[in-house]
Amino acid sequence: QVQLVQTGGGLVQAGGSLRLSCVASERTFGPYVMAWFRQAPGKEREFVAHIYWSGGRVRYADSARGRFTISRDSAKNTLYLQMNSLRPEDTAVYYCAARSRTEDAYNTWGQGTQVTVSS
């Protein structure tokens, strides 16, 4: 069972930047899709971005496109989310997640990390 361990996050002023990291426990991660989700207080968890580990194809939510960048470092088995031009509405707990390319649902999740953007 793959395990995902997140680091990063914290408190930043509006307009600032943060980078989240998510390290996967397995060294071979080719057939997976990895993603970032977030959940704000009182709201449902929402998709932020995903990346195909093999090939690097990406997709972003409209709220993230142009400000956030998802990437991966295969040698380090690490997923990243670079967040720029942060807004107070980006405040949420952010989760990394993984699924096989043949599955629809994400079945492996990181522990979550808080991102707070002050105005």
N, C-alpha and C. Protein backbone atom coordinates (compact mmCIF):
# COMPACT_ATOMS: atom_id res chain seq x y z
N GLN A 1 0.85 -1.18 0.00
CA GLN A 1 0.00 0.00 0.00
C GLN A 1 0.89 1.24 0.00
N VAL A 2 0.69 2.07 -1.00
CA VAL A 2 1.46 3.31 -1.09
C VAL A 2 1.07 4.24 0.04
N GLN A 3 2.05 4.92 0.60
CA GLN A 3 1.79 5.95 1.61
C GLN A 3 2.28 7.28 1.08
N LEU A 4 1.54 8.34 1.40
CA LEU A 4 1.87 9.68 0.96
C LEU A 4 2.08 10.55 2.19
N VAL A 5 3.21 11.24 2.24
CA VAL A 5 3.54 12.10 3.38
C VAL A 5 3.76 13.52 2.87
N GLN A 6 2.97 14.44 3.40
CA GLN A 6 3.00 15.82 2.94
C GLN A 6 3.86 16.70 3.85
N THR A 7 4.49 17.68 3.22
CA THR A 7 5.18 18.74 3.95
C THR A 7 4.86 20.06 3.26
N GLY A 8 5.16 21.15 3.96
CA GLY A 8 4.89 22.47 3.40
C GLY A 8 3.63 23.04 4.00
N GLY A 9 3.16 24.11 3.43
CA GLY A 9 1.98 24.80 3.93
C GLY A 9 2.37 25.84 4.96
N GLY A 10 1.35 26.43 5.60
CA GLY A 10 1.59 27.44 6.61
C GLY A 10 0.77 28.68 6.37
N LEU A 11 1.25 29.79 6.93
CA LEU A 11 0.56 31.07 6.86
C LEU A 11 1.31 32.01 5.92
N VAL A 12 0.58 32.65 5.03
CA VAL A 12 1.20 33.58 4.09
C VAL A 12 0.23 34.73 3.83
N GLN A 13 0.76 35.89 3.48
CA GLN A 13 -0.09 37.02 3.14
C GLN A 13 -0.59 36.89 1.71
N ALA A 14 -1.70 37.51 1.46
CA ALA A 14 -2.26 37.52 0.11
C ALA A 14 -1.21 38.04 -0.88
N GLY A 15 -1.13 37.36 -2.01
CA GLY A 15 -0.13 37.69 -3.02
C GLY A 15 1.16 36.90 -2.87
N GLY A 16 1.31 36.21 -1.77
CA GLY A 16 2.51 35.43 -1.52
C GLY A 16 2.49 34.06 -2.18
N SER A 17 3.52 33.29 -1.88
CA SER A 17 3.70 31.97 -2.49
C SER A 17 4.00 30.92 -1.43
N LEU A 18 3.61 29.71 -1.73
CA LEU A 18 3.95 28.55 -0.91
C LEU A 18 4.16 27.36 -1.83
N ARG A 19 4.95 26.39 -1.36
CA ARG A 19 5.10 25.15 -2.10
C ARG A 19 4.79 23.97 -1.18
N LEU A 20 3.93 23.12 -1.66
CA LEU A 20 3.59 21.89 -0.96
C LEU A 20 4.34 20.72 -1.59
N SER A 21 4.72 19.77 -0.75
CA SER A 21 5.39 18.56 -1.23
C SER A 21 4.66 17.33 -0.72
N CYS A 22 4.77 16.26 -1.48
CA CYS A 22 4.11 15.00 -1.12
C CYS A 22 5.03 13.87 -1.57
N VAL A 23 5.58 13.15 -0.61
CA VAL A 23 6.52 12.07 -0.91
C VAL A 23 5.78 10.74 -0.88
N ALA A 24 5.95 9.97 -1.95
CA ALA A 24 5.33 8.65 -2.03
C ALA A 24 6.30 7.58 -1.57
N SER A 25 5.77 6.56 -0.90
CA SER A 25 6.64 5.55 -0.30
C SER A 25 7.18 4.56 -1.31
N GLU A 26 6.49 4.40 -2.46
CA GLU A 26 6.94 3.42 -3.43
C GLU A 26 7.83 4.08 -4.47
N ARG A 27 8.88 3.37 -4.88
CA ARG A 27 9.82 3.95 -5.84
C ARG A 27 9.29 3.88 -7.26
N THR A 28 8.49 2.90 -7.56
CA THR A 28 7.96 2.77 -8.91
C THR A 28 6.56 3.34 -8.94
N PHE A 29 6.37 4.42 -9.66
CA PHE A 29 5.10 5.12 -9.58
C PHE A 29 4.57 5.45 -10.97
N GLY A 30 5.06 4.73 -11.97
CA GLY A 30 4.75 5.09 -13.35
C GLY A 30 3.29 5.11 -13.71
N PRO A 31 2.52 4.05 -13.36
CA PRO A 31 1.14 3.98 -13.85
C PRO A 31 0.13 4.76 -13.02
N TYR A 32 0.57 5.73 -12.26
CA TYR A 32 -0.33 6.44 -11.37
C TYR A 32 -0.64 7.85 -11.86
N VAL A 33 -1.76 8.35 -11.36
CA VAL A 33 -2.12 9.75 -11.50
C VAL A 33 -2.09 10.33 -10.09
N MET A 34 -1.42 11.45 -9.94
CA MET A 34 -1.37 12.09 -8.63
C MET A 34 -2.01 13.46 -8.70
N ALA A 35 -2.62 13.85 -7.59
CA ALA A 35 -3.41 15.07 -7.60
C ALA A 35 -3.31 15.81 -6.28
N TRP A 36 -3.73 17.05 -6.35
CA TRP A 36 -3.93 17.87 -5.16
C TRP A 36 -5.41 18.23 -5.06
N PHE A 37 -5.94 18.10 -3.86
CA PHE A 37 -7.28 18.53 -3.54
C PHE A 37 -7.19 19.50 -2.36
N ARG A 38 -8.28 20.21 -2.11
CA ARG A 38 -8.31 21.07 -0.92
C ARG A 38 -9.72 21.08 -0.35
N GLN A 39 -9.77 21.38 0.95
CA GLN A 39 -11.06 21.47 1.62
C GLN A 39 -11.05 22.65 2.57
N ALA A 40 -11.90 23.62 2.26
CA ALA A 40 -12.04 24.80 3.11
C ALA A 40 -13.08 24.51 4.18
N PRO A 41 -13.04 25.26 5.29
CA PRO A 41 -14.00 25.04 6.37
C PRO A 41 -15.44 25.15 5.87
N GLY A 42 -16.23 24.15 6.18
CA GLY A 42 -17.63 24.15 5.82
C GLY A 42 -17.91 23.84 4.36
N LYS A 43 -16.88 23.47 3.60
CA LYS A 43 -17.06 23.17 2.19
C LYS A 43 -16.61 21.76 1.88
N GLU A 44 -17.05 21.27 0.73
CA GLU A 44 -16.64 19.94 0.30
C GLU A 44 -15.21 19.99 -0.26
N ARG A 45 -14.57 18.83 -0.22
CA ARG A 45 -13.24 18.74 -0.82
C ARG A 45 -13.35 18.98 -2.32
N GLU A 46 -12.42 19.76 -2.85
CA GLU A 46 -12.45 20.06 -4.28
C GLU A 46 -11.12 19.79 -4.95
N PHE A 47 -11.20 19.43 -6.20
CA PHE A 47 -10.03 19.15 -7.02
C PHE A 47 -9.26 20.43 -7.30
N VAL A 48 -7.94 20.34 -7.25
CA VAL A 48 -7.08 21.48 -7.57
C VAL A 48 -6.31 21.23 -8.87
N ALA A 49 -5.62 20.09 -8.94
CA ALA A 49 -4.81 19.78 -10.12
C ALA A 49 -4.41 18.31 -10.08
N HIS A 50 -4.13 17.76 -11.26
CA HIS A 50 -3.56 16.43 -11.30
C HIS A 50 -2.45 16.35 -12.33
N ILE A 51 -1.63 15.30 -12.20
CA ILE A 51 -0.54 15.06 -13.14
C ILE A 51 -0.39 13.56 -13.34
N TYR A 52 -0.22 13.15 -14.58
CA TYR A 52 0.08 11.77 -14.89
C TYR A 52 1.56 11.57 -14.63
N TRP A 53 1.86 10.62 -13.73
CA TRP A 53 3.25 10.46 -13.31
C TRP A 53 4.15 10.11 -14.49
N SER A 54 3.66 9.29 -15.39
CA SER A 54 4.42 8.95 -16.58
C SER A 54 3.90 9.82 -17.73
N GLY A 55 4.71 10.71 -18.20
CA GLY A 55 4.31 11.58 -19.30
C GLY A 55 4.06 13.01 -18.88
N GLY A 56 3.63 13.21 -17.63
CA GLY A 56 3.51 14.56 -17.10
C GLY A 56 2.30 15.35 -17.54
N ARG A 57 1.29 14.69 -18.13
CA ARG A 57 0.09 15.45 -18.54
C ARG A 57 -0.60 16.03 -17.31
N VAL A 58 -1.01 17.29 -17.41
CA VAL A 58 -1.59 17.97 -16.24
C VAL A 58 -2.97 18.52 -16.57
N ARG A 59 -3.73 18.74 -15.51
CA ARG A 59 -5.02 19.44 -15.61
C ARG A 59 -5.22 20.25 -14.34
N TYR A 60 -5.81 21.42 -14.48
CA TYR A 60 -6.04 22.30 -13.35
C TYR A 60 -7.51 22.67 -13.22
N ALA A 61 -7.91 22.92 -11.98
CA ALA A 61 -9.21 23.55 -11.76
C ALA A 61 -9.11 25.00 -12.23
N ASP A 62 -10.24 25.57 -12.57
CA ASP A 62 -10.24 26.96 -13.04
C ASP A 62 -9.65 27.89 -11.97
N SER A 63 -9.89 27.59 -10.71
CA SER A 63 -9.41 28.44 -9.62
C SER A 63 -7.90 28.41 -9.48
N ALA A 64 -7.27 27.36 -10.00
CA ALA A 64 -5.82 27.19 -9.85
C ALA A 64 -5.04 27.56 -11.11
N ARG A 65 -5.70 27.49 -12.23
CA ARG A 65 -5.00 27.68 -13.50
C ARG A 65 -4.38 29.07 -13.58
N GLY A 66 -3.09 29.10 -13.95
CA GLY A 66 -2.37 30.36 -14.08
C GLY A 66 -1.68 30.82 -12.80
N ARG A 67 -2.06 30.24 -11.67
CA ARG A 67 -1.42 30.62 -10.40
C ARG A 67 -0.69 29.46 -9.74
N PHE A 68 -1.21 28.26 -9.92
CA PHE A 68 -0.61 27.07 -9.30
C PHE A 68 0.07 26.23 -10.37
N THR A 69 1.13 25.54 -9.96
CA THR A 69 1.81 24.62 -10.86
C THR A 69 2.03 23.28 -10.16
N ILE A 70 1.52 22.22 -10.76
CA ILE A 70 1.75 20.88 -10.24
C ILE A 70 2.92 20.26 -11.00
N SER A 71 3.78 19.56 -10.27
CA SER A 71 4.94 18.94 -10.91
C SER A 71 5.35 17.73 -10.09
N ARG A 72 6.24 16.93 -10.67
CA ARG A 72 6.76 15.78 -9.92
C ARG A 72 8.23 15.59 -10.23
N ASP A 73 8.92 15.02 -9.25
CA ASP A 73 10.32 14.67 -9.40
C ASP A 73 10.40 13.16 -9.25
N SER A 74 10.54 12.48 -10.36
CA SER A 74 10.52 11.01 -10.33
C SER A 74 11.67 10.44 -9.52
N ALA A 75 12.83 11.07 -9.57
CA ALA A 75 13.99 10.56 -8.83
C ALA A 75 13.75 10.62 -7.33
N LYS A 76 12.97 11.60 -6.89
CA LYS A 76 12.67 11.76 -5.47
C LYS A 76 11.31 11.20 -5.09
N ASN A 77 10.58 10.69 -6.07
CA ASN A 77 9.23 10.18 -5.82
C ASN A 77 8.36 11.22 -5.13
N THR A 78 8.49 12.45 -5.55
CA THR A 78 7.84 13.56 -4.86
C THR A 78 6.97 14.36 -5.81
N LEU A 79 5.80 14.70 -5.31
CA LEU A 79 4.84 15.55 -6.00
C LEU A 79 4.89 16.93 -5.38
N TYR A 80 4.75 17.96 -6.20
CA TYR A 80 4.79 19.33 -5.71
C TYR A 80 3.55 20.10 -6.15
N LEU A 81 3.24 21.13 -5.38
CA LEU A 81 2.27 22.12 -5.81
C LEU A 81 2.85 23.49 -5.46
N GLN A 82 3.26 24.21 -6.49
CA GLN A 82 3.75 25.57 -6.30
C GLN A 82 2.56 26.50 -6.43
N MET A 83 2.32 27.29 -5.39
CA MET A 83 1.16 28.18 -5.37
C MET A 83 1.65 29.62 -5.30
N ASN A 84 1.31 30.39 -6.32
CA ASN A 84 1.68 31.79 -6.39
C ASN A 84 0.43 32.67 -6.37
N SER A 85 0.63 33.94 -6.11
CA SER A 85 -0.47 34.91 -6.09
C SER A 85 -1.63 34.40 -5.23
N LEU A 86 -1.30 33.94 -4.05
CA LEU A 86 -2.31 33.34 -3.19
C LEU A 86 -3.34 34.36 -2.73
N ARG A 87 -4.55 33.87 -2.56
CA ARG A 87 -5.69 34.69 -2.17
C ARG A 87 -6.29 34.14 -0.88
N PRO A 88 -6.99 34.98 -0.12
CA PRO A 88 -7.63 34.45 1.10
C PRO A 88 -8.55 33.26 0.82
N GLU A 89 -9.18 33.24 -0.33
CA GLU A 89 -10.08 32.13 -0.65
C GLU A 89 -9.34 30.83 -0.95
N ASP A 90 -8.01 30.88 -1.02
CA ASP A 90 -7.23 29.65 -1.16
C ASP A 90 -7.00 28.97 0.19
N THR A 91 -7.41 29.61 1.26
CA THR A 91 -7.26 29.02 2.58
C THR A 91 -8.02 27.71 2.68
N ALA A 92 -7.31 26.65 3.05
CA ALA A 92 -7.92 25.32 3.10
C ALA A 92 -6.88 24.32 3.62
N VAL A 93 -7.35 23.12 3.89
CA VAL A 93 -6.44 22.00 4.10
C VAL A 93 -6.22 21.36 2.73
N TYR A 94 -4.97 21.20 2.38
CA TYR A 94 -4.61 20.65 1.07
C TYR A 94 -4.17 19.20 1.23
N TYR A 95 -4.64 18.37 0.32
CA TYR A 95 -4.33 16.94 0.35
C TYR A 95 -3.74 16.50 -0.97
N CYS A 96 -2.71 15.68 -0.92
CA CYS A 96 -2.28 14.98 -2.12
C CYS A 96 -2.96 13.62 -2.17
N ALA A 97 -3.10 13.10 -3.37
CA ALA A 97 -3.82 11.85 -3.55
C ALA A 97 -3.26 11.12 -4.76
N ALA A 98 -3.47 9.82 -4.78
CA ALA A 98 -2.97 9.00 -5.89
C ALA A 98 -4.01 7.96 -6.29
N ARG A 99 -4.00 7.62 -7.55
CA ARG A 99 -4.84 6.52 -8.04
C ARG A 99 -4.14 5.90 -9.22
N SER A 100 -4.52 4.67 -9.50
CA SER A 100 -4.03 4.02 -10.71
C SER A 100 -4.69 4.67 -11.91
N ARG A 101 -4.03 4.65 -13.03
CA ARG A 101 -4.61 5.23 -14.24
C ARG A 101 -5.86 4.49 -14.70
N THR A 102 -6.03 3.27 -14.24
CA THR A 102 -7.20 2.48 -14.63
C THR A 102 -8.37 2.65 -13.68
N GLU A 103 -8.21 3.42 -12.65
CA GLU A 103 -9.28 3.64 -11.67
C GLU A 103 -9.82 5.06 -11.79
N ASP A 104 -11.04 5.25 -11.35
CA ASP A 104 -11.65 6.57 -11.37
C ASP A 104 -11.45 7.31 -10.06
N ALA A 105 -11.44 6.58 -8.96
CA ALA A 105 -11.39 7.22 -7.66
C ALA A 105 -9.98 7.21 -7.09
N TYR A 106 -9.66 8.29 -6.37
CA TYR A 106 -8.39 8.35 -5.65
C TYR A 106 -8.53 7.54 -4.37
N ASN A 107 -7.62 6.60 -4.17
CA ASN A 107 -7.75 5.70 -3.03
C ASN A 107 -6.60 5.78 -2.04
N THR A 108 -5.67 6.67 -2.32
CA THR A 108 -4.57 6.88 -1.39
C THR A 108 -4.42 8.36 -1.16
N TRP A 109 -4.37 8.74 0.14
CA TRP A 109 -4.37 10.16 0.47
C TRP A 109 -3.26 10.50 1.45
N GLY A 110 -2.73 11.72 1.30
CA GLY A 110 -1.82 12.23 2.29
C GLY A 110 -2.57 12.68 3.53
N GLN A 111 -1.82 13.12 4.52
CA GLN A 111 -2.43 13.46 5.81
C GLN A 111 -3.06 14.84 5.83
N GLY A 112 -2.79 15.64 4.81
CA GLY A 112 -3.34 16.99 4.75
C GLY A 112 -2.41 18.00 5.40
N THR A 113 -2.42 19.21 4.85
CA THR A 113 -1.60 20.28 5.40
C THR A 113 -2.38 21.59 5.28
N GLN A 114 -2.31 22.41 6.31
CA GLN A 114 -3.08 23.65 6.34
C GLN A 114 -2.35 24.76 5.58
N VAL A 115 -3.10 25.43 4.74
CA VAL A 115 -2.64 26.64 4.07
C VAL A 115 -3.59 27.76 4.47
N THR A 116 -3.03 28.82 5.04
CA THR A 116 -3.84 29.96 5.45
C THR A 116 -3.29 31.22 4.79
N VAL A 117 -4.16 31.92 4.08
CA VAL A 117 -3.78 33.14 3.38
C VAL A 117 -4.50 34.31 4.04
N SER A 118 -3.73 35.22 4.58
CA SER A 118 -4.31 36.38 5.26
C SER A 118 -4.44 37.55 4.30
N SER A 119 -5.46 38.34 4.54
CA SER A 119 -5.70 39.49 3.64
C SER A 119 -4.96 40.74 4.13
